[in-house]
Protein backbone atom coordinates (compact mmCIF):
# COMPACT_ATOMS: atom_id res chain seq x y z
CA MET A 1 97.78 -33.46 -9.76
CA LYS A 2 97.75 -30.11 -8.04
CA ARG A 3 94.49 -29.28 -6.25
CA PRO A 4 92.41 -26.31 -7.43
CA ILE A 5 93.03 -22.99 -5.73
CA LYS A 6 90.54 -22.35 -2.92
CA VAL A 7 89.10 -18.90 -2.33
CA LEU A 8 87.19 -18.29 0.90
CA ALA A 9 84.72 -15.38 0.92
CA ILE A 10 83.48 -14.22 4.33
CA GLU A 11 80.53 -11.98 3.47
CA ASP A 12 77.01 -11.71 4.91
CA ASP A 13 75.24 -10.43 1.78
CA PRO A 14 73.98 -13.49 -0.16
CA ASN A 15 73.74 -11.51 -3.42
CA ILE A 16 77.40 -10.55 -3.24
CA VAL A 17 78.36 -14.11 -2.31
CA GLU A 18 76.43 -15.45 -5.30
CA LEU A 19 78.16 -12.96 -7.61
CA MET A 20 81.62 -13.87 -6.29
CA ASP A 21 80.84 -17.57 -6.60
CA LEU A 22 79.88 -17.11 -10.26
CA TYR A 23 83.05 -15.24 -11.23
CA ILE A 24 85.53 -17.16 -9.09
CA THR A 25 84.37 -20.62 -10.19
CA LYS A 26 84.34 -19.39 -13.79
CA ILE A 27 88.15 -19.03 -13.70
CA GLY A 28 88.57 -22.54 -12.30
CA PHE A 29 89.01 -21.78 -8.60
CA THR A 30 87.10 -23.54 -5.80
CA PHE A 31 84.77 -21.14 -4.00
CA ILE A 32 83.99 -21.45 -0.29
CA SER A 33 81.72 -19.04 1.59
CA ALA A 34 80.83 -18.07 5.13
CA TYR A 35 78.18 -15.60 6.26
CA ASP A 36 79.58 -14.46 9.61
CA GLY A 37 82.93 -14.05 11.29
CA GLU A 38 82.80 -17.19 13.42
CA GLU A 39 81.79 -19.38 10.48
CA GLY A 40 84.54 -17.75 8.43
CA LEU A 41 87.19 -18.70 10.98
CA ASN A 42 85.89 -22.28 11.06
CA GLN A 43 86.09 -22.48 7.27
CA PHE A 44 89.62 -21.09 7.40
CA TYR A 45 90.72 -23.79 9.85
CA ASN A 46 88.87 -26.62 8.09
CA GLU A 47 89.39 -25.81 4.41
CA SER A 48 92.92 -24.30 4.31
CA PRO A 49 92.07 -21.74 1.58
CA ASP A 50 94.68 -20.08 -0.61
CA CYS A 51 93.08 -16.63 -0.51
CA ILE A 52 90.46 -14.90 1.65
CA ILE A 53 87.99 -12.18 0.70
CA LEU A 54 86.88 -10.63 3.97
CA ASP A 55 84.08 -8.16 4.58
CA ILE A 56 84.53 -5.68 7.42
CA MET A 57 80.92 -5.51 8.65
CA LEU A 58 80.04 -9.07 9.69
CA PRO A 59 77.73 -10.65 12.28
CA LYS A 60 79.19 -12.25 15.44
CA MET A 61 82.76 -11.10 14.73
CA ASN A 62 83.80 -8.22 12.47
CA GLY A 63 86.36 -8.45 9.69
CA PHE A 64 89.11 -6.74 11.66
CA GLU A 65 88.83 -9.32 14.45
CA VAL A 66 88.72 -12.20 11.97
CA CYS A 67 91.80 -10.86 10.18
CA LYS A 68 93.74 -10.66 13.45
CA MET A 69 92.82 -14.25 14.33
CA ILE A 70 93.85 -15.53 10.90
CA ARG A 71 97.17 -13.72 11.07
CA LEU A 72 97.96 -15.45 14.36
CA GLU A 73 97.82 -18.76 12.46
CA ASP A 74 99.06 -17.78 9.00
CA LYS A 75 101.31 -14.83 8.20
CA LYS A 76 101.30 -15.24 4.43
CA ILE A 77 97.82 -16.16 3.21
CA PRO A 78 96.52 -13.30 1.00
CA ILE A 79 93.59 -11.39 2.51
CA ILE A 80 91.51 -8.85 0.57
CA MET A 81 89.27 -6.67 2.73
CA LEU A 82 85.87 -5.53 1.51
CA THR A 83 84.55 -2.21 2.77
CA GLY A 84 81.31 -0.48 1.97
CA LYS A 85 82.57 2.88 3.14
CA GLY A 86 85.80 3.47 1.30
CA GLU A 87 87.03 5.63 4.16
CA THR A 88 90.77 5.91 4.67
CA TYR A 89 90.37 4.92 8.33
CA ASP A 90 88.83 1.54 7.43
CA ILE A 91 91.43 0.90 4.74
CA VAL A 92 94.40 1.70 6.99
CA LYS A 93 92.94 -0.27 9.90
CA GLY A 94 92.44 -3.24 7.59
CA LEU A 95 96.06 -3.08 6.46
CA ASP A 96 97.22 -2.69 10.05
CA THR A 97 95.39 -5.86 11.08
CA GLY A 98 97.13 -7.82 8.33
CA ALA A 99 95.18 -7.41 5.09
CA ASP A 100 97.11 -7.41 1.80
CA ASP A 101 94.68 -5.35 -0.26
CA TYR A 102 91.23 -3.80 -0.15
CA ILE A 103 88.31 -3.20 -2.48
CA VAL A 104 85.37 -0.85 -1.99
CA LYS A 105 81.77 -1.97 -2.46
CA PRO A 106 80.02 -1.83 -4.82
CA PHE A 107 82.78 -3.30 -6.96
CA ASP A 108 83.24 -4.56 -10.50
CA PRO A 109 83.51 -8.40 -10.31
CA ASN A 110 86.27 -8.30 -12.91
CA GLU A 111 88.29 -5.97 -10.69
CA LEU A 112 87.84 -8.35 -7.77
CA ILE A 113 89.08 -11.25 -9.89
CA ALA A 114 92.11 -9.15 -10.92
CA ARG A 115 92.86 -8.44 -7.26
CA VAL A 116 92.53 -12.12 -6.33
CA LYS A 117 94.87 -13.17 -9.14
CA SER A 118 97.31 -10.45 -8.16
CA VAL A 119 97.62 -11.47 -4.50
CA LEU A 120 97.87 -15.13 -5.49
CA ARG A 121 100.66 -14.30 -7.90
CA ARG A 122 102.68 -12.67 -5.15
CA THR A 123 106.42 -12.73 -5.85
CA VAL A 124 108.14 -15.39 -3.78
CA LEU A 125 110.66 -13.00 -2.31
CA SER A 126 111.68 -15.53 0.32
CA GLU A 127 113.67 -17.35 -2.38
CA SER A 128 116.10 -14.46 -2.54
CA GLU A 129 119.61 -15.13 -1.28
CA ASP A 130 119.44 -11.93 0.76
CA ASP A 131 116.42 -13.00 2.80
CA VAL A 132 117.66 -11.07 5.85
CA LEU A 133 118.58 -7.39 5.51
CA GLN A 134 119.98 -5.21 8.28
CA PHE A 135 120.29 -1.42 8.50
CA SER A 136 121.52 0.03 11.83
CA ASN A 137 118.54 -0.61 14.15
CA ILE A 138 116.36 -2.43 11.55
CA VAL A 139 116.34 -6.13 10.68
CA ILE A 140 114.12 -7.33 7.82
CA ASN A 141 113.60 -11.09 7.52
CA ILE A 142 111.45 -11.77 4.44
CA ASN A 143 111.68 -15.53 4.96
CA GLU A 144 109.86 -15.21 8.29
CA TYR A 145 107.95 -12.05 7.32
CA ARG A 146 109.32 -10.19 10.33
CA VAL A 147 110.61 -6.66 10.86
CA ILE A 148 112.60 -5.94 14.02
CA ILE A 149 113.41 -2.39 15.13
CA ASP A 150 115.56 -1.90 18.22
CA GLY A 151 114.96 -5.53 19.14
CA LYS A 152 111.17 -5.27 18.98
CA GLN A 153 108.97 -6.84 16.31
CA VAL A 154 106.94 -4.44 14.17
CA LEU A 155 103.78 -5.91 12.73
CA MET A 156 103.39 -5.46 8.98
CA ALA A 157 100.88 -6.95 6.57
CA PRO A 158 102.40 -9.29 3.94
CA ARG A 159 102.11 -6.72 1.14
CA GLU A 160 103.64 -4.03 3.34
CA MET A 161 106.41 -6.44 4.22
CA GLU A 162 107.16 -7.21 0.56
CA LEU A 163 107.01 -3.56 -0.43
CA PHE A 164 109.34 -2.57 2.40
CA TYR A 165 111.73 -5.42 1.62
CA PHE A 166 111.97 -4.49 -2.05
CA LEU A 167 112.72 -0.85 -1.19
CA ALA A 168 115.31 -1.95 1.37
CA MET A 169 116.98 -4.20 -1.21
CA ASN A 170 117.78 -1.01 -3.10
CA PRO A 171 118.82 1.50 -0.40
CA ASN A 172 119.27 5.12 -1.44
CA GLN A 173 117.89 4.36 -4.90
CA VAL A 174 114.69 5.86 -6.25
CA ILE A 175 112.15 3.17 -7.13
CA SER A 176 109.26 4.28 -9.32
CA ARG A 177 105.64 3.58 -8.41
CA GLN A 178 105.33 1.49 -11.57
CA GLN A 179 108.35 -0.63 -10.63
CA LEU A 180 106.79 -1.32 -7.24
CA LEU A 181 103.41 -2.16 -8.76
CA ASP A 182 105.00 -4.49 -11.29
CA ARG A 183 107.20 -6.26 -8.74
CA ILE A 184 104.78 -6.55 -5.82
CA TRP A 185 101.32 -6.50 -7.43
CA GLY A 186 102.16 -8.05 -10.81
CA TYR A 187 102.61 -6.71 -14.34
CA ASP A 188 98.93 -7.01 -15.25
CA PHE A 189 97.59 -5.42 -12.06
CA GLU A 190 94.30 -3.72 -12.92
CA GLY A 191 93.28 -2.37 -9.53
CA ASP A 192 93.53 1.14 -8.13
CA PRO A 193 97.20 2.26 -8.38
CA ARG A 194 96.61 4.45 -5.31
CA THR A 195 96.71 1.28 -3.21
CA ILE A 196 100.50 1.63 -3.24
CA ASP A 197 100.22 5.06 -1.60
CA VAL A 198 98.18 3.59 1.27
CA HIS A 199 100.71 0.81 1.81
CA ILE A 200 103.66 3.24 1.67
CA LYS A 201 102.00 5.54 4.21
CA SER A 202 101.40 2.61 6.56
CA VAL A 203 105.02 1.44 6.31
CA ARG A 204 106.31 4.99 6.80
CA ASP A 205 104.10 5.54 9.86
CA LYS A 206 105.34 2.33 11.47
CA LEU A 207 108.97 3.28 10.91
CA THR A 208 108.31 6.68 12.47
CA VAL A 209 106.42 5.33 15.49
CA HIS A 210 109.19 2.85 16.24
CA ASN A 211 111.99 5.42 15.77
CA ALA A 212 113.69 3.62 12.91
CA ASP A 213 117.00 5.08 11.74
CA TRP A 214 115.83 4.72 8.15
CA SER A 215 112.69 5.96 6.41
CA VAL A 216 110.78 5.79 3.14
CA VAL A 217 110.95 9.15 1.36
CA THR A 218 108.65 10.30 -1.44
CA ILE A 219 110.38 11.69 -4.51
CA ARG A 220 107.59 13.72 -6.09
CA GLY A 221 106.69 12.71 -9.60
CA VAL A 222 109.17 9.83 -9.55
CA GLY A 223 108.67 7.33 -6.75
CA TYR A 224 110.13 6.37 -3.37
CA ARG A 225 113.53 5.92 -1.75
CA PHE A 226 114.64 4.02 1.35
CA GLU A 227 117.25 6.19 3.03
CA GLU A 228 118.92 6.86 6.36
CA ASN A 229 117.43 9.63 8.48
CA MET A 230 119.58 12.75 8.77
CA HIS A 231 119.42 12.61 12.58
CA ALA A 232 120.38 8.92 12.76
């Protein structure tokens, strides 16, 4: 018999923890909690959760530091960052450290559950026959969740990696925002559709910083296209 899905929440507000516990156990998942960054890491190592809900502002070790430590051990476990600010800087920094998604406090518990289900339902892209794609100076290995540009590894969060891989599977083709949401986030995704814009911007910035020969271009009102740079 398959064990229940474990969700680890690292959050220092006991009221929020109690609320998450109520809703997460209600859908049949096992809920584990930690009230500071160090305890959260210990729970991660000891409990092997399937998903992590991670607050940014934590005692002893903040969420960004915890996320980095987790990603050193596990590249694929879904991580949802909680932020009380909702500022773009915090969101982008969270994604850069390896988070898959984010949610702003105060939040609707039903939205949080939708996000948790969405990241857990992540498409297993590694089963694709074309698990390694190559375009001039870019190598994308979805099986290992690695992007190499000019021989150097570029760090991408799992959701960024999957988004980038899906675009690269269809070079020079326009992929709509809805297609990307359906494929990467799931058909019944109920979160903020703008999350895709944040992920796209992060991927695009990393390609630019590392002088990739290809880029992700926005086609206004339609979607996005992975195409070769004119100067390449």
